[in-house]
Amino acid sequence: MNETIKKTEDFVRRVLEDEATGHDWYHIERVWKNALLIQQKEDAGNLFVIEMAALLHDIPDEKLNSSEEAGWRKLNEYINSLGLPGSVVSHIVDCIESVSFKGGRETNLKSIEAKIVQDADRLDAIGAIGVARTFAFGGKKGQPLYDPEIDVRTQMTNEEYRTGKSSSIHHFYEKLLKLKELMNTDAARQIAEQRHEFMENFLKQFYREWNGQA
């Protein structure tokens, strides 16, 4: 199993080495570490499934592929080449499918492994790293830092979430500030508290500077 983990680490490094939207190898590595920490604190879940899903969770992401279908083909081709039991492959793939926020959709998480990986990914979207990734992604998409004329979107389809008009600051209200309450595990909720507070303080300072008050 350790050989498979190492092989998968090398595969993901190669695929995401030039990624510039905040979904690069170092994001994967942080999610991997977060998942290991949550698993340890919760003392639950199949560690191999958790590690594999954490490592592979962005491979099929439609943002990083020509299409969602192309992303899933890439994942399936790789994971099917490993010779793992079908039940293990299904478990890993189910975890990966459950991770994405996709406009705030509710997902039916079927396992503790899926809950841990989703929490690990969401933790990397908040706090200081989350702030940095938000502006990296917004810049890549050509979005403004902030536009007070734009309304914060509430209910969105996946298509609206991906392509609708927004700004990096709006992304805090449309996603990041919601994540603390969406954590599945006690361990992740505890970690999220301080990161959430950091984002709130960042926004207060941002508006002071935006309005010429700082």
C-alpha atoms as a PDB file:
ATOM      1  CA  MET A   1       0.000   0.000   0.000  1.00  0.00           C
ATOM      2  CA  ASN A   2       2.885   2.396   0.740  1.00  0.00           C
ATOM      3  CA  GLU A   3       4.189   1.838  -2.807  1.00  0.00           C
ATOM      4  CA  THR A   4       0.779   2.748  -4.209  1.00  0.00           C
ATOM      5  CA  ILE A   5       0.655   5.915  -2.115  1.00  0.00           C
ATOM      6  CA  LYS A   6       4.124   6.929  -3.343  1.00  0.00           C
ATOM      7  CA  LYS A   7       3.225   6.149  -6.966  1.00  0.00           C
ATOM      8  CA  THR A   8       0.073   8.233  -6.612  1.00  0.00           C
ATOM      9  CA  GLU A   9       1.983  11.108  -5.037  1.00  0.00           C
ATOM     10  CA  ASP A  10       4.373  11.113  -8.012  1.00  0.00           C
ATOM     11  CA  PHE A  11       1.475  10.969 -10.495  1.00  0.00           C
ATOM     12  CA  VAL A  12      -0.354  13.917  -8.909  1.00  0.00           C
ATOM     13  CA  ARG A  13       2.848  15.974  -8.703  1.00  0.00           C
ATOM     14  CA  ARG A  14       3.375  15.530 -12.446  1.00  0.00           C
ATOM     15  CA  VAL A  15      -0.204  16.389 -13.354  1.00  0.00           C
ATOM     16  CA  LEU A  16      -0.496  19.515 -11.197  1.00  0.00           C
ATOM     17  CA  GLU A  17       3.076  20.857 -11.162  1.00  0.00           C
ATOM     18  CA  ASP A  18       2.251  23.891 -13.369  1.00  0.00           C
ATOM     19  CA  GLU A  19      -1.198  24.618 -11.915  1.00  0.00           C
ATOM     20  CA  ALA A  20      -1.578  28.316 -10.930  1.00  0.00           C
ATOM     21  CA  THR A  21      -5.126  28.609  -9.539  1.00  0.00           C
ATOM     22  CA  GLY A  22      -4.376  27.427  -6.007  1.00  0.00           C
ATOM     23  CA  HIS A  23      -5.063  23.794  -6.944  1.00  0.00           C
ATOM     24  CA  ASP A  24      -1.405  22.861  -7.325  1.00  0.00           C
ATOM     25  CA  TRP A  25       0.597  20.036  -5.742  1.00  0.00           C
ATOM     26  CA  TYR A  26       1.096  22.003  -2.536  1.00  0.00           C
ATOM     27  CA  HIS A  27      -2.665  22.297  -2.105  1.00  0.00           C
ATOM     28  CA  ILE A  28      -2.910  18.533  -2.484  1.00  0.00           C
ATOM     29  CA  GLU A  29      -0.115  18.041   0.031  1.00  0.00           C
ATOM     30  CA  ARG A  30      -1.858  20.282   2.571  1.00  0.00           C
ATOM     31  CA  VAL A  31      -5.175  18.448   2.100  1.00  0.00           C
ATOM     32  CA  TRP A  32      -3.325  15.152   2.542  1.00  0.00           C
ATOM     33  CA  LYS A  33      -1.811  16.413   5.816  1.00  0.00           C
ATOM     34  CA  ASN A  34      -5.161  17.793   6.986  1.00  0.00           C
ATOM     35  CA  ALA A  35      -6.815  14.451   6.268  1.00  0.00           C
ATOM     36  CA  LEU A  36      -4.164  12.551   8.229  1.00  0.00           C
ATOM     37  CA  LEU A  37      -4.585  14.933  11.170  1.00  0.00           C
ATOM     38  CA  ILE A  38      -8.383  14.630  11.188  1.00  0.00           C
ATOM     39  CA  GLN A  39      -8.211  10.843  10.879  1.00  0.00           C
ATOM     40  CA  GLN A  40      -5.831  10.706  13.822  1.00  0.00           C
ATOM     41  CA  LYS A  41      -7.994  12.982  15.982  1.00  0.00           C
ATOM     42  CA  GLU A  42     -11.216  11.184  15.060  1.00  0.00           C
ATOM     43  CA  ASP A  43      -9.575   7.736  15.216  1.00  0.00           C
ATOM     44  CA  ALA A  44     -11.863   6.608  12.414  1.00  0.00           C
ATOM     45  CA  GLY A  45     -11.800   5.583   8.766  1.00  0.00           C
ATOM     46  CA  ASN A  46      -9.711   3.480   6.424  1.00  0.00           C
ATOM     47  CA  LEU A  47      -6.370   5.291   6.241  1.00  0.00           C
ATOM     48  CA  PHE A  48      -5.438   4.028   2.754  1.00  0.00           C
ATOM     49  CA  VAL A  49      -8.754   5.144   1.258  1.00  0.00           C
ATOM     50  CA  ILE A  50      -8.436   8.533   2.952  1.00  0.00           C
ATOM     51  CA  GLU A  51      -4.888   9.086   1.678  1.00  0.00           C
ATOM     52  CA  MET A  52      -5.681   8.013  -1.866  1.00  0.00           C
ATOM     53  CA  ALA A  53      -8.815  10.170  -2.063  1.00  0.00           C
ATOM     54  CA  ALA A  54      -6.976  13.177  -0.628  1.00  0.00           C
ATOM     55  CA  LEU A  55      -4.166  12.786  -3.139  1.00  0.00           C
ATOM     56  CA  LEU A  56      -6.448  12.299  -6.159  1.00  0.00           C
ATOM     57  CA  HIS A  57      -9.369  14.557  -5.290  1.00  0.00           C
ATOM     58  CA  ASP A  58      -8.540  17.334  -7.803  1.00  0.00           C
ATOM     59  CA  ILE A  59      -7.556  15.118 -10.732  1.00  0.00           C
ATOM     60  CA  PRO A  60     -11.113  15.021 -12.201  1.00  0.00           C
ATOM     61  CA  ASP A  61     -11.938  18.649 -11.325  1.00  0.00           C
ATOM     62  CA  GLU A  62     -13.545  20.326 -14.346  1.00  0.00           C
ATOM     63  CA  LYS A  63     -11.643  23.552 -13.577  1.00  0.00           C
ATOM     64  CA  LEU A  64      -8.371  21.747 -14.267  1.00  0.00           C
ATOM     65  CA  ASN A  65      -9.442  19.781 -17.340  1.00  0.00           C
ATOM     66  CA  SER A  66     -10.903  20.477 -20.765  1.00  0.00           C
ATOM     67  CA  SER A  67     -14.197  19.063 -19.467  1.00  0.00           C
ATOM     68  CA  GLU A  68     -15.605  17.203 -16.476  1.00  0.00           C
ATOM     69  CA  GLU A  69     -15.734  14.028 -18.575  1.00  0.00           C
ATOM     70  CA  ALA A  70     -12.056  14.358 -19.513  1.00  0.00           C
ATOM     71  CA  GLY A  71     -11.140  14.766 -15.859  1.00  0.00           C
ATOM     72  CA  TRP A  72     -12.969  11.634 -14.815  1.00  0.00           C
ATOM     73  CA  ARG A  73     -11.389   9.687 -17.666  1.00  0.00           C
ATOM     74  CA  LYS A  74      -7.974  10.763 -16.439  1.00  0.00           C
ATOM     75  CA  LEU A  75      -8.780   9.644 -12.884  1.00  0.00           C
ATOM     76  CA  ASN A  76     -10.323   6.339 -13.939  1.00  0.00           C
ATOM     77  CA  GLU A  77      -7.449   5.455 -16.262  1.00  0.00           C
ATOM     78  CA  TYR A  78      -4.943   6.028 -13.478  1.00  0.00           C
ATOM     79  CA  ILE A  79      -6.789   4.366 -10.622  1.00  0.00           C
ATOM     80  CA  ASN A  80      -7.743   1.343 -12.728  1.00  0.00           C
ATOM     81  CA  SER A  81      -4.071   0.843 -13.593  1.00  0.00           C
ATOM     82  CA  LEU A  82      -3.187   0.179  -9.944  1.00  0.00           C
ATOM     83  CA  GLY A  83      -4.761  -3.260  -9.668  1.00  0.00           C
ATOM     84  CA  LEU A  84      -6.708  -2.433  -6.519  1.00  0.00           C
ATOM     85  CA  PRO A  85      -9.799  -4.428  -5.489  1.00  0.00           C
ATOM     86  CA  GLY A  86     -12.967  -3.083  -7.059  1.00  0.00           C
ATOM     87  CA  SER A  87     -14.535  -2.286  -3.693  1.00  0.00           C
ATOM     88  CA  VAL A  88     -11.522  -0.162  -2.733  1.00  0.00           C
ATOM     89  CA  VAL A  89     -11.584   1.698  -6.054  1.00  0.00           C
ATOM     90  CA  SER A  90     -15.307   2.391  -5.636  1.00  0.00           C
ATOM     91  CA  HIS A  91     -14.759   3.685  -2.121  1.00  0.00           C
ATOM     92  CA  ILE A  92     -11.963   6.039  -3.218  1.00  0.00           C
ATOM     93  CA  VAL A  93     -13.947   7.341  -6.193  1.00  0.00           C
ATOM     94  CA  ASP A  94     -17.025   7.920  -4.028  1.00  0.00           C
ATOM     95  CA  CYS A  95     -14.937  10.027  -1.643  1.00  0.00           C
ATOM     96  CA  ILE A  96     -13.542  12.099  -4.510  1.00  0.00           C
ATOM     97  CA  GLU A  97     -16.980  12.691  -6.023  1.00  0.00           C
ATOM     98  CA  SER A  98     -18.218  13.959  -2.649  1.00  0.00           C
ATOM     99  CA  VAL A  99     -15.528  16.585  -2.085  1.00  0.00           C
ATOM    100  CA  SER A 100     -16.528  19.496  -4.333  1.00  0.00           C
ATOM    101  CA  PHE A 101     -18.449  22.532  -3.033  1.00  0.00           C
ATOM    102  CA  LYS A 102     -20.148  23.181  -6.420  1.00  0.00           C
ATOM    103  CA  GLY A 103     -22.171  26.231  -5.486  1.00  0.00           C
ATOM    104  CA  GLY A 104     -23.028  24.958  -2.035  1.00  0.00           C
ATOM    105  CA  ARG A 105     -24.838  21.827  -3.141  1.00  0.00           C
ATOM    106  CA  GLU A 106     -25.671  19.289  -0.448  1.00  0.00           C
ATOM    107  CA  THR A 107     -23.881  16.001  -0.903  1.00  0.00           C
ATOM    108  CA  ASN A 108     -24.882  12.691   0.597  1.00  0.00           C
ATOM    109  CA  LEU A 109     -21.649  11.553   2.194  1.00  0.00           C
ATOM    110  CA  LYS A 110     -21.783   7.798   2.540  1.00  0.00           C
ATOM    111  CA  SER A 111     -18.687   7.184   4.646  1.00  0.00           C
ATOM    112  CA  ILE A 112     -16.469   8.648   7.345  1.00  0.00           C
ATOM    113  CA  GLU A 113     -13.643   8.596   4.794  1.00  0.00           C
ATOM    114  CA  ALA A 114     -15.593  10.918   2.478  1.00  0.00           C
ATOM    115  CA  LYS A 115     -16.393  13.218   5.392  1.00  0.00           C
ATOM    116  CA  ILE A 116     -12.735  13.421   6.429  1.00  0.00           C
ATOM    117  CA  VAL A 117     -11.474  14.153   2.909  1.00  0.00           C
ATOM    118  CA  GLN A 118     -14.146  16.773   2.317  1.00  0.00           C
ATOM    119  CA  ASP A 119     -13.288  18.445   5.626  1.00  0.00           C
ATOM    120  CA  ALA A 120      -9.570  18.352   4.809  1.00  0.00           C
ATOM    121  CA  ASP A 121     -10.173  20.039   1.451  1.00  0.00           C
ATOM    122  CA  ARG A 122     -12.470  22.661   2.934  1.00  0.00           C
ATOM    123  CA  LEU A 123      -9.964  23.533   5.648  1.00  0.00           C
ATOM    124  CA  ASP A 124      -7.475  24.495   2.929  1.00  0.00           C
ATOM    125  CA  ALA A 125     -10.056  26.910   1.493  1.00  0.00           C
ATOM    126  CA  ILE A 126     -10.214  29.020   4.671  1.00  0.00           C
ATOM    127  CA  GLY A 127      -7.770  30.882   6.906  1.00  0.00           C
ATOM    128  CA  ALA A 128      -4.614  32.575   5.599  1.00  0.00           C
ATOM    129  CA  ILE A 129      -4.107  29.963   2.892  1.00  0.00           C
ATOM    130  CA  GLY A 130      -7.733  30.323   1.865  1.00  0.00           C
ATOM    131  CA  VAL A 131      -7.342  34.082   1.483  1.00  0.00           C
ATOM    132  CA  ALA A 132      -4.226  33.630  -0.662  1.00  0.00           C
ATOM    133  CA  ARG A 133      -5.851  30.958  -2.833  1.00  0.00           C
ATOM    134  CA  THR A 134      -8.965  33.079  -3.350  1.00  0.00           C
ATOM    135  CA  PHE A 135      -7.018  35.934  -4.896  1.00  0.00           C
ATOM    136  CA  ALA A 136      -4.815  33.579  -6.927  1.00  0.00           C
ATOM    137  CA  PHE A 137      -7.912  31.913  -8.385  1.00  0.00           C
ATOM    138  CA  GLY A 138      -9.710  35.216  -8.944  1.00  0.00           C
ATOM    139  CA  GLY A 139      -6.734  36.611 -10.809  1.00  0.00           C
ATOM    140  CA  LYS A 140      -6.487  33.515 -12.969  1.00  0.00           C
ATOM    141  CA  LYS A 141     -10.182  33.903 -13.869  1.00  0.00           C
ATOM    142  CA  GLY A 142      -9.813  37.630 -14.554  1.00  0.00           C
ATOM    143  CA  GLN A 143     -12.117  38.661 -11.715  1.00  0.00           C
ATOM    144  CA  PRO A 144     -11.727  42.000  -9.899  1.00  0.00           C
ATOM    145  CA  LEU A 145     -10.519  42.086  -6.305  1.00  0.00           C
ATOM    146  CA  TYR A 146     -13.831  43.645  -5.339  1.00  0.00           C
ATOM    147  CA  ASP A 147     -16.731  45.370  -7.055  1.00  0.00           C
ATOM    148  CA  PRO A 148     -19.338  46.830  -4.682  1.00  0.00           C
ATOM    149  CA  GLU A 149     -21.827  47.074  -7.549  1.00  0.00           C
ATOM    150  CA  ILE A 150     -22.051  43.272  -7.776  1.00  0.00           C
ATOM    151  CA  ASP A 151     -24.621  41.491  -5.601  1.00  0.00           C
ATOM    152  CA  VAL A 152     -23.592  38.532  -3.472  1.00  0.00           C
ATOM    153  CA  ARG A 153     -25.108  35.409  -5.016  1.00  0.00           C
ATOM    154  CA  THR A 154     -27.011  33.074  -2.681  1.00  0.00           C
ATOM    155  CA  GLN A 155     -28.685  30.153  -4.441  1.00  0.00           C
ATOM    156  CA  MET A 156     -26.634  29.088  -7.463  1.00  0.00           C
ATOM    157  CA  THR A 157     -26.514  26.250  -9.912  1.00  0.00           C
ATOM    158  CA  ASN A 158     -23.101  24.718 -10.513  1.00  0.00           C
ATOM    159  CA  GLU A 159     -22.912  26.570 -13.843  1.00  0.00           C
ATOM    160  CA  GLU A 160     -23.755  29.901 -12.198  1.00  0.00           C
ATOM    161  CA  TYR A 161     -21.177  29.258  -9.476  1.00  0.00           C
ATOM    162  CA  ARG A 162     -18.472  28.537 -12.063  1.00  0.00           C
ATOM    163  CA  THR A 163     -19.213  31.221 -14.658  1.00  0.00           C
ATOM    164  CA  GLY A 164     -21.361  33.958 -13.083  1.00  0.00           C
ATOM    165  CA  LYS A 165     -20.116  37.483 -12.429  1.00  0.00           C
ATOM    166  CA  SER A 166     -18.376  37.832  -9.088  1.00  0.00           C
ATOM    167  CA  SER A 167     -15.226  39.131  -7.377  1.00  0.00           C
ATOM    168  CA  SER A 168     -12.634  37.686  -5.031  1.00  0.00           C
ATOM    169  CA  ILE A 169     -14.204  39.414  -2.026  1.00  0.00           C
ATOM    170  CA  HIS A 170     -17.644  38.145  -3.013  1.00  0.00           C
ATOM    171  CA  HIS A 171     -16.209  34.610  -2.945  1.00  0.00           C
ATOM    172  CA  PHE A 172     -15.834  34.896   0.828  1.00  0.00           C
ATOM    173  CA  TYR A 173     -19.609  35.314   1.189  1.00  0.00           C
ATOM    174  CA  GLU A 174     -20.543  32.866  -1.541  1.00  0.00           C
ATOM    175  CA  LYS A 175     -18.349  30.059  -0.190  1.00  0.00           C
ATOM    176  CA  LEU A 176     -15.580  30.573   2.355  1.00  0.00           C
ATOM    177  CA  LEU A 177     -17.555  31.984   5.286  1.00  0.00           C
ATOM    178  CA  LYS A 178     -20.051  29.122   4.951  1.00  0.00           C
ATOM    179  CA  LEU A 179     -17.501  26.347   5.324  1.00  0.00           C
ATOM    180  CA  LYS A 180     -17.033  26.397   9.103  1.00  0.00           C
ATOM    181  CA  GLU A 181     -20.649  25.316   9.590  1.00  0.00           C
ATOM    182  CA  LEU A 182     -20.399  22.669   6.873  1.00  0.00           C
ATOM    183  CA  MET A 183     -17.589  20.653   8.477  1.00  0.00           C
ATOM    184  CA  ASN A 184     -18.511  17.035   9.129  1.00  0.00           C
ATOM    185  CA  THR A 185     -16.166  16.131  11.992  1.00  0.00           C
ATOM    186  CA  ASP A 186     -15.510  17.613  15.422  1.00  0.00           C
ATOM    187  CA  ALA A 187     -11.790  17.754  14.672  1.00  0.00           C
ATOM    188  CA  ALA A 188     -12.310  19.842  11.534  1.00  0.00           C
ATOM    189  CA  ARG A 189     -14.778  22.151  13.267  1.00  0.00           C
ATOM    190  CA  GLN A 190     -12.198  22.893  15.957  1.00  0.00           C
ATOM    191  CA  ILE A 191      -9.508  23.689  13.392  1.00  0.00           C
ATOM    192  CA  ALA A 192     -11.938  25.806  11.356  1.00  0.00           C
ATOM    193  CA  GLU A 193     -12.782  28.151  14.248  1.00  0.00           C
ATOM    194  CA  GLN A 194      -9.492  30.068  14.217  1.00  0.00           C
ATOM    195  CA  ARG A 195      -9.258  30.085  10.424  1.00  0.00           C
ATOM    196  CA  HIS A 196     -12.783  31.488  10.136  1.00  0.00           C
ATOM    197  CA  GLU A 197     -11.948  34.236  12.630  1.00  0.00           C
ATOM    198  CA  PHE A 198      -8.855  35.140  10.606  1.00  0.00           C
ATOM    199  CA  MET A 199     -10.982  35.633   7.477  1.00  0.00           C
ATOM    200  CA  GLU A 200     -13.480  37.828   9.325  1.00  0.00           C
ATOM    201  CA  ASN A 201     -10.639  40.019  10.581  1.00  0.00           C
ATOM    202  CA  PHE A 202      -9.131  40.167   7.089  1.00  0.00           C
ATOM    203  CA  LEU A 203     -12.431  41.391   5.638  1.00  0.00           C
ATOM    204  CA  LYS A 204     -12.788  44.080   8.325  1.00  0.00           C
ATOM    205  CA  GLN A 205      -9.313  45.370   7.490  1.00  0.00           C
ATOM    206  CA  PHE A 206      -9.980  45.131   3.744  1.00  0.00           C
ATOM    207  CA  TYR A 207     -13.075  47.321   3.996  1.00  0.00           C
ATOM    208  CA  ARG A 208     -11.270  49.850   6.209  1.00  0.00           C
ATOM    209  CA  GLU A 209      -8.564  50.202   3.592  1.00  0.00           C
ATOM    210  CA  TRP A 210     -11.043  50.153   0.684  1.00  0.00           C
ATOM    211  CA  ASN A 211     -12.971  53.007   2.261  1.00  0.00           C
ATOM    212  CA  GLY A 212      -9.863  55.041   3.114  1.00  0.00           C
ATOM    213  CA  GLN A 213     -10.271  54.557   6.843  1.00  0.00           C
ATOM    214  CA  ALA A 214      -7.110  52.618   7.716  1.00  0.00           C
END
